PDB file of all heavy atoms in Angstrom:
ATOM      1  N   ILE A   1      -4.691  18.055  -9.748  1.00  0.00           N
ATOM      2  CA  ILE A   1      -5.328  18.838  -8.684  1.00  0.00           C
ATOM      3  C   ILE A   1      -5.084  20.329  -8.885  1.00  0.00           C
ATOM      4  O   ILE A   1      -6.008  21.156  -8.752  1.00  0.00           O
ATOM      5  CB  ILE A   1      -4.834  18.353  -7.312  1.00  0.00           C
ATOM      6  CG1 ILE A   1      -5.343  16.924  -7.064  1.00  0.00           C
ATOM      7  CG2 ILE A   1      -5.302  19.283  -6.192  1.00  0.00           C
ATOM      8  CD1 ILE A   1      -4.722  16.227  -5.871  1.00  0.00           C
ATOM      9  N   LEU A   2      -3.849  20.702  -9.239  1.00  0.00           N
ATOM     10  CA  LEU A   2      -3.551  22.113  -9.478  1.00  0.00           C
ATOM     11  C   LEU A   2      -4.270  22.627 -10.727  1.00  0.00           C
ATOM     12  O   LEU A   2      -4.645  23.804 -10.781  1.00  0.00           O
ATOM     13  CB  LEU A   2      -2.049  22.318  -9.604  1.00  0.00           C
ATOM     14  CG  LEU A   2      -1.253  22.176  -8.304  1.00  0.00           C
ATOM     15  CD1 LEU A   2       0.239  22.217  -8.584  1.00  0.00           C
ATOM     16  CD2 LEU A   2      -1.637  23.259  -7.296  1.00  0.00           C
ATOM     17  N   SER A   3      -4.452  21.780 -11.727  1.00  0.00           N
ATOM     18  CA  SER A   3      -5.172  22.194 -12.935  1.00  0.00           C
ATOM     19  C   SER A   3      -6.601  22.604 -12.605  1.00  0.00           C
ATOM     20  O   SER A   3      -7.087  23.646 -13.057  1.00  0.00           O
ATOM     21  CB  SER A   3      -5.185  21.060 -13.960  1.00  0.00           C
ATOM     22  OG  SER A   3      -3.905  20.819 -14.482  1.00  0.00           O
ATOM     23  N   VAL A   4      -7.270  21.783 -11.821  1.00  0.00           N
ATOM     24  CA  VAL A   4      -8.653  22.089 -11.468  1.00  0.00           C
ATOM     25  C   VAL A   4      -8.708  23.340 -10.597  1.00  0.00           C
ATOM     26  O   VAL A   4      -9.548  24.229 -10.803  1.00  0.00           O
ATOM     27  CB  VAL A   4      -9.308  20.889 -10.756  1.00  0.00           C
ATOM     28  CG1 VAL A   4     -10.726  21.250 -10.308  1.00  0.00           C
ATOM     29  CG2 VAL A   4      -9.335  19.670 -11.676  1.00  0.00           C
ATOM     30  N   ALA A   5      -7.790  23.434  -9.640  1.00  0.00           N
ATOM     31  CA  ALA A   5      -7.792  24.580  -8.734  1.00  0.00           C
ATOM     32  C   ALA A   5      -7.498  25.889  -9.463  1.00  0.00           C
ATOM     33  O   ALA A   5      -8.016  26.950  -9.106  1.00  0.00           O
ATOM     34  CB  ALA A   5      -6.765  24.359  -7.617  1.00  0.00           C
ATOM     35  N   SER A   6      -6.683  25.821 -10.521  1.00  0.00           N
ATOM     36  CA  SER A   6      -6.232  27.046 -11.184  1.00  0.00           C
ATOM     37  C   SER A   6      -7.308  27.720 -12.021  1.00  0.00           C
ATOM     38  O   SER A   6      -7.201  28.905 -12.325  1.00  0.00           O
ATOM     39  CB  SER A   6      -5.025  26.735 -12.072  1.00  0.00           C
ATOM     40  OG  SER A   6      -5.408  25.957 -13.198  1.00  0.00           O
ATOM     41  N   VAL A   7      -8.335  26.985 -12.403  1.00  0.00           N
ATOM     42  CA  VAL A   7      -9.363  27.577 -13.271  1.00  0.00           C
ATOM     43  C   VAL A   7     -10.551  28.109 -12.475  1.00  0.00           C
ATOM     44  O   VAL A   7     -11.490  28.638 -13.049  1.00  0.00           O
ATOM     45  CB  VAL A   7      -9.852  26.551 -14.321  1.00  0.00           C
ATOM     46  CG1 VAL A   7      -8.707  26.125 -15.213  1.00  0.00           C
ATOM     47  CG2 VAL A   7     -10.506  25.343 -13.655  1.00  0.00           C
ATOM     48  N   VAL A   8     -10.504  27.965 -11.151  1.00  0.00           N
ATOM     49  CA  VAL A   8     -11.604  28.435 -10.305  1.00  0.00           C
ATOM     50  C   VAL A   8     -11.273  29.833  -9.796  1.00  0.00           C
ATOM     51  O   VAL A   8     -10.202  30.059  -9.228  1.00  0.00           O
ATOM     52  CB  VAL A   8     -11.824  27.466  -9.118  1.00  0.00           C
ATOM     53  CG1 VAL A   8     -12.962  27.969  -8.234  1.00  0.00           C
ATOM     54  CG2 VAL A   8     -12.128  26.069  -9.642  1.00  0.00           C
ATOM     55  N   GLN A   9     -12.171  30.771 -10.011  1.00  0.00           N
ATOM     56  CA  GLN A   9     -11.914  32.165  -9.635  1.00  0.00           C
ATOM     57  C   GLN A   9     -11.952  32.367  -8.122  1.00  0.00           C
ATOM     58  O   GLN A   9     -11.114  33.048  -7.553  1.00  0.00           O
ATOM     59  CB  GLN A   9     -12.957  33.084 -10.303  1.00  0.00           C
ATOM     60  CG  GLN A   9     -12.944  33.018 -11.821  1.00  0.00           C
ATOM     61  CD  GLN A   9     -11.588  33.371 -12.401  1.00  0.00           C
ATOM     62  OE1 GLN A   9     -10.973  34.359 -12.013  1.00  0.00           O
ATOM     63  NE2 GLN A   9     -11.102  32.562 -13.342  1.00  0.00           N
ATOM     64  N   LYS A  10     -12.891  31.739  -7.442  1.00  0.00           N
ATOM     65  CA  LYS A  10     -12.968  31.863  -5.985  1.00  0.00           C
ATOM     66  C   LYS A  10     -12.239  30.687  -5.351  1.00  0.00           C
ATOM     67  O   LYS A  10     -11.912  29.710  -6.041  1.00  0.00           O
ATOM     68  CB  LYS A  10     -14.436  31.875  -5.558  1.00  0.00           C
ATOM     69  CG  LYS A  10     -15.273  30.767  -6.161  1.00  0.00           C
ATOM     70  CD  LYS A  10     -16.758  31.022  -5.964  1.00  0.00           C
ATOM     71  CE  LYS A  10     -17.578  29.960  -6.685  1.00  0.00           C
ATOM     72  NZ  LYS A  10     -19.016  30.180  -6.563  1.00  0.00           N
ATOM     73  N   PRO A  11     -11.936  30.748  -4.045  1.00  0.00           N
ATOM     74  CA  PRO A  11     -11.233  29.635  -3.393  1.00  0.00           C
ATOM     75  C   PRO A  11     -11.936  28.299  -3.641  1.00  0.00           C
ATOM     76  O   PRO A  11     -13.141  28.170  -3.461  1.00  0.00           O
ATOM     77  CB  PRO A  11     -11.263  30.007  -1.913  1.00  0.00           C
ATOM     78  CG  PRO A  11     -11.310  31.499  -1.919  1.00  0.00           C
ATOM     79  CD  PRO A  11     -12.150  31.856  -3.104  1.00  0.00           C
ATOM     80  N   VAL A  12     -11.162  27.324  -4.088  1.00  0.00           N
ATOM     81  CA  VAL A  12     -11.702  26.043  -4.505  1.00  0.00           C
ATOM     82  C   VAL A  12     -12.112  25.203  -3.295  1.00  0.00           C
ATOM     83  O   VAL A  12     -11.547  25.337  -2.206  1.00  0.00           O
ATOM     84  CB  VAL A  12     -10.648  25.297  -5.359  1.00  0.00           C
ATOM     85  CG1 VAL A  12      -9.446  24.896  -4.512  1.00  0.00           C
ATOM     86  CG2 VAL A  12     -11.236  24.067  -6.036  1.00  0.00           C
ATOM     87  N   HIS A  13     -13.109  24.354  -3.493  1.00  0.00           N
ATOM     88  CA  HIS A  13     -13.464  23.344  -2.484  1.00  0.00           C
ATOM     89  C   HIS A  13     -13.178  21.980  -3.075  1.00  0.00           C
ATOM     90  O   HIS A  13     -13.672  21.632  -4.156  1.00  0.00           O
ATOM     91  CB  HIS A  13     -14.941  23.434  -2.090  1.00  0.00           C
ATOM     92  CG  HIS A  13     -15.374  22.339  -1.152  1.00  0.00           C
ATOM     93  ND1 HIS A  13     -16.515  21.589  -1.337  1.00  0.00           N
ATOM     94  CD2 HIS A  13     -14.795  21.850  -0.024  1.00  0.00           C
ATOM     95  CE1 HIS A  13     -16.631  20.702  -0.354  1.00  0.00           C
ATOM     96  NE2 HIS A  13     -15.600  20.847   0.449  1.00  0.00           N
ATOM     97  N   ILE A  14     -12.353  21.217  -2.376  1.00  0.00           N
ATOM     98  CA  ILE A  14     -11.956  19.876  -2.811  1.00  0.00           C
ATOM     99  C   ILE A  14     -12.452  18.868  -1.793  1.00  0.00           C
ATOM    100  O   ILE A  14     -12.358  19.090  -0.578  1.00  0.00           O
ATOM    101  CB  ILE A  14     -10.414  19.779  -2.933  1.00  0.00           C
ATOM    102  CG1 ILE A  14      -9.897  20.768  -3.975  1.00  0.00           C
ATOM    103  CG2 ILE A  14      -9.977  18.352  -3.272  1.00  0.00           C
ATOM    104  CD1 ILE A  14      -8.378  20.904  -3.982  1.00  0.00           C
ATOM    105  N   ILE A  15     -12.962  17.758  -2.290  1.00  0.00           N
ATOM    106  CA  ILE A  15     -13.347  16.645  -1.412  1.00  0.00           C
ATOM    107  C   ILE A  15     -12.370  15.500  -1.660  1.00  0.00           C
ATOM    108  O   ILE A  15     -12.174  15.071  -2.802  1.00  0.00           O
ATOM    109  CB  ILE A  15     -14.788  16.169  -1.684  1.00  0.00           C
ATOM    110  CG1 ILE A  15     -15.779  17.313  -1.461  1.00  0.00           C
ATOM    111  CG2 ILE A  15     -15.130  14.983  -0.792  1.00  0.00           C
ATOM    112  CD1 ILE A  15     -17.206  16.970  -1.875  1.00  0.00           C
ATOM    113  N   THR A  16     -11.765  15.020  -0.591  1.00  0.00           N
ATOM    114  CA  THR A  16     -10.868  13.878  -0.689  1.00  0.00           C
ATOM    115  C   THR A  16     -11.118  12.981   0.522  1.00  0.00           C
ATOM    116  O   THR A  16     -12.159  13.090   1.163  1.00  0.00           O
ATOM    117  CB  THR A  16      -9.398  14.345  -0.806  1.00  0.00           C
ATOM    118  OG1 THR A  16      -8.559  13.224  -1.041  1.00  0.00           O
ATOM    119  CG2 THR A  16      -8.922  15.085   0.443  1.00  0.00           C
ATOM    120  N   SER A  17     -10.198  12.098   0.844  1.00  0.00           N
ATOM    121  CA  SER A  17     -10.396  11.211   1.994  1.00  0.00           C
ATOM    122  C   SER A  17      -9.173  11.241   2.895  1.00  0.00           C
ATOM    123  O   SER A  17      -8.106  11.750   2.517  1.00  0.00           O
ATOM    124  CB  SER A  17     -10.674   9.772   1.538  1.00  0.00           C
ATOM    125  OG  SER A  17      -9.458   9.075   1.280  1.00  0.00           O
ATOM    126  N   THR A  18      -9.320  10.678   4.061  1.00  0.00           N
ATOM    127  CA  THR A  18      -8.222  10.640   5.033  1.00  0.00           C
ATOM    128  C   THR A  18      -7.198   9.561   4.721  1.00  0.00           C
ATOM    129  O   THR A  18      -6.159   9.493   5.386  1.00  0.00           O
ATOM    130  CB  THR A  18      -8.772  10.391   6.445  1.00  0.00           C
ATOM    131  OG1 THR A  18      -9.564   9.189   6.437  1.00  0.00           O
ATOM    132  CG2 THR A  18      -9.624  11.550   6.921  1.00  0.00           C
ATOM    133  N   VAL A  19      -7.452   8.713   3.723  1.00  0.00           N
ATOM    134  CA  VAL A  19      -6.541   7.586   3.457  1.00  0.00           C
ATOM    135  C   VAL A  19      -5.855   7.713   2.100  1.00  0.00           C
ATOM    136  O   VAL A  19      -5.391   6.725   1.532  1.00  0.00           O
ATOM    137  CB  VAL A  19      -7.276   6.234   3.560  1.00  0.00           C
ATOM    138  CG1 VAL A  19      -7.760   5.992   4.980  1.00  0.00           C
ATOM    139  CG2 VAL A  19      -8.448   6.151   2.579  1.00  0.00           C
ATOM    140  N   GLU A  20      -5.758   8.940   1.591  1.00  0.00           N
ATOM    141  CA  GLU A  20      -5.119   9.151   0.290  1.00  0.00           C
ATOM    142  C   GLU A  20      -3.600   9.029   0.398  1.00  0.00           C
ATOM    143  O   GLU A  20      -3.015   9.116   1.475  1.00  0.00           O
ATOM    144  CB  GLU A  20      -5.479  10.532  -0.247  1.00  0.00           C
ATOM    145  CG  GLU A  20      -6.947  10.748  -0.497  1.00  0.00           C
ATOM    146  CD  GLU A  20      -7.525   9.782  -1.523  1.00  0.00           C
ATOM    147  OE1 GLU A  20      -6.965   9.693  -2.635  1.00  0.00           O
ATOM    148  OE2 GLU A  20      -8.541   9.138  -1.209  1.00  0.00           O
ATOM    149  N   HIS A  21      -2.968   8.890  -0.749  1.00  0.00           N
ATOM    150  CA  HIS A  21      -1.516   8.915  -0.831  1.00  0.00           C
ATOM    151  C   HIS A  21      -1.027  10.313  -0.463  1.00  0.00           C
ATOM    152  O   HIS A  21      -1.725  11.302  -0.638  1.00  0.00           O
ATOM    153  CB  HIS A  21      -1.084   8.560  -2.261  1.00  0.00           C
ATOM    154  CG  HIS A  21       0.379   8.364  -2.421  1.00  0.00           C
ATOM    155  ND1 HIS A  21       1.232   9.389  -2.793  1.00  0.00           N
ATOM    156  CD2 HIS A  21       1.162   7.258  -2.267  1.00  0.00           C
ATOM    157  CE1 HIS A  21       2.466   8.933  -2.867  1.00  0.00           C
ATOM    158  NE2 HIS A  21       2.458   7.643  -2.554  1.00  0.00           N
ATOM    159  N   SER A  22       0.194  10.390   0.040  1.00  0.00           N
ATOM    160  CA  SER A  22       0.744  11.679   0.484  1.00  0.00           C
ATOM    161  C   SER A  22       0.810  12.707  -0.639  1.00  0.00           C
ATOM    162  O   SER A  22       0.726  13.911  -0.392  1.00  0.00           O
ATOM    163  CB  SER A  22       2.138  11.472   1.086  1.00  0.00           C
ATOM    164  OG  SER A  22       3.007  10.843   0.149  1.00  0.00           O
ATOM    165  N   SER A  23       0.933  12.259  -1.889  1.00  0.00           N
ATOM    166  CA  SER A  23       1.012  13.210  -3.002  1.00  0.00           C
ATOM    167  C   SER A  23      -0.319  13.897  -3.253  1.00  0.00           C
ATOM    168  O   SER A  23      -0.356  14.959  -3.895  1.00  0.00           O
ATOM    169  CB  SER A  23       1.474  12.503  -4.282  1.00  0.00           C
ATOM    170  OG  SER A  23       0.573  11.476  -4.648  1.00  0.00           O
ATOM    171  N   VAL A  24      -1.406  13.336  -2.763  1.00  0.00           N
ATOM    172  CA  VAL A  24      -2.711  13.996  -2.829  1.00  0.00           C
ATOM    173  C   VAL A  24      -2.940  14.822  -1.563  1.00  0.00           C
ATOM    174  O   VAL A  24      -3.308  16.001  -1.620  1.00  0.00           O
ATOM    175  CB  VAL A  24      -3.842  12.964  -3.022  1.00  0.00           C
ATOM    176  CG1 VAL A  24      -5.215  13.602  -2.806  1.00  0.00           C
ATOM    177  CG2 VAL A  24      -3.762  12.356  -4.420  1.00  0.00           C
TER     178      VAL A  24
END
């Protein structure tokens, strides 16, 4: 997740779900 976020110049938009593991 940090890898993808780090290569984006503007604030990243992430789509996930409400039932993910706490590490996500």
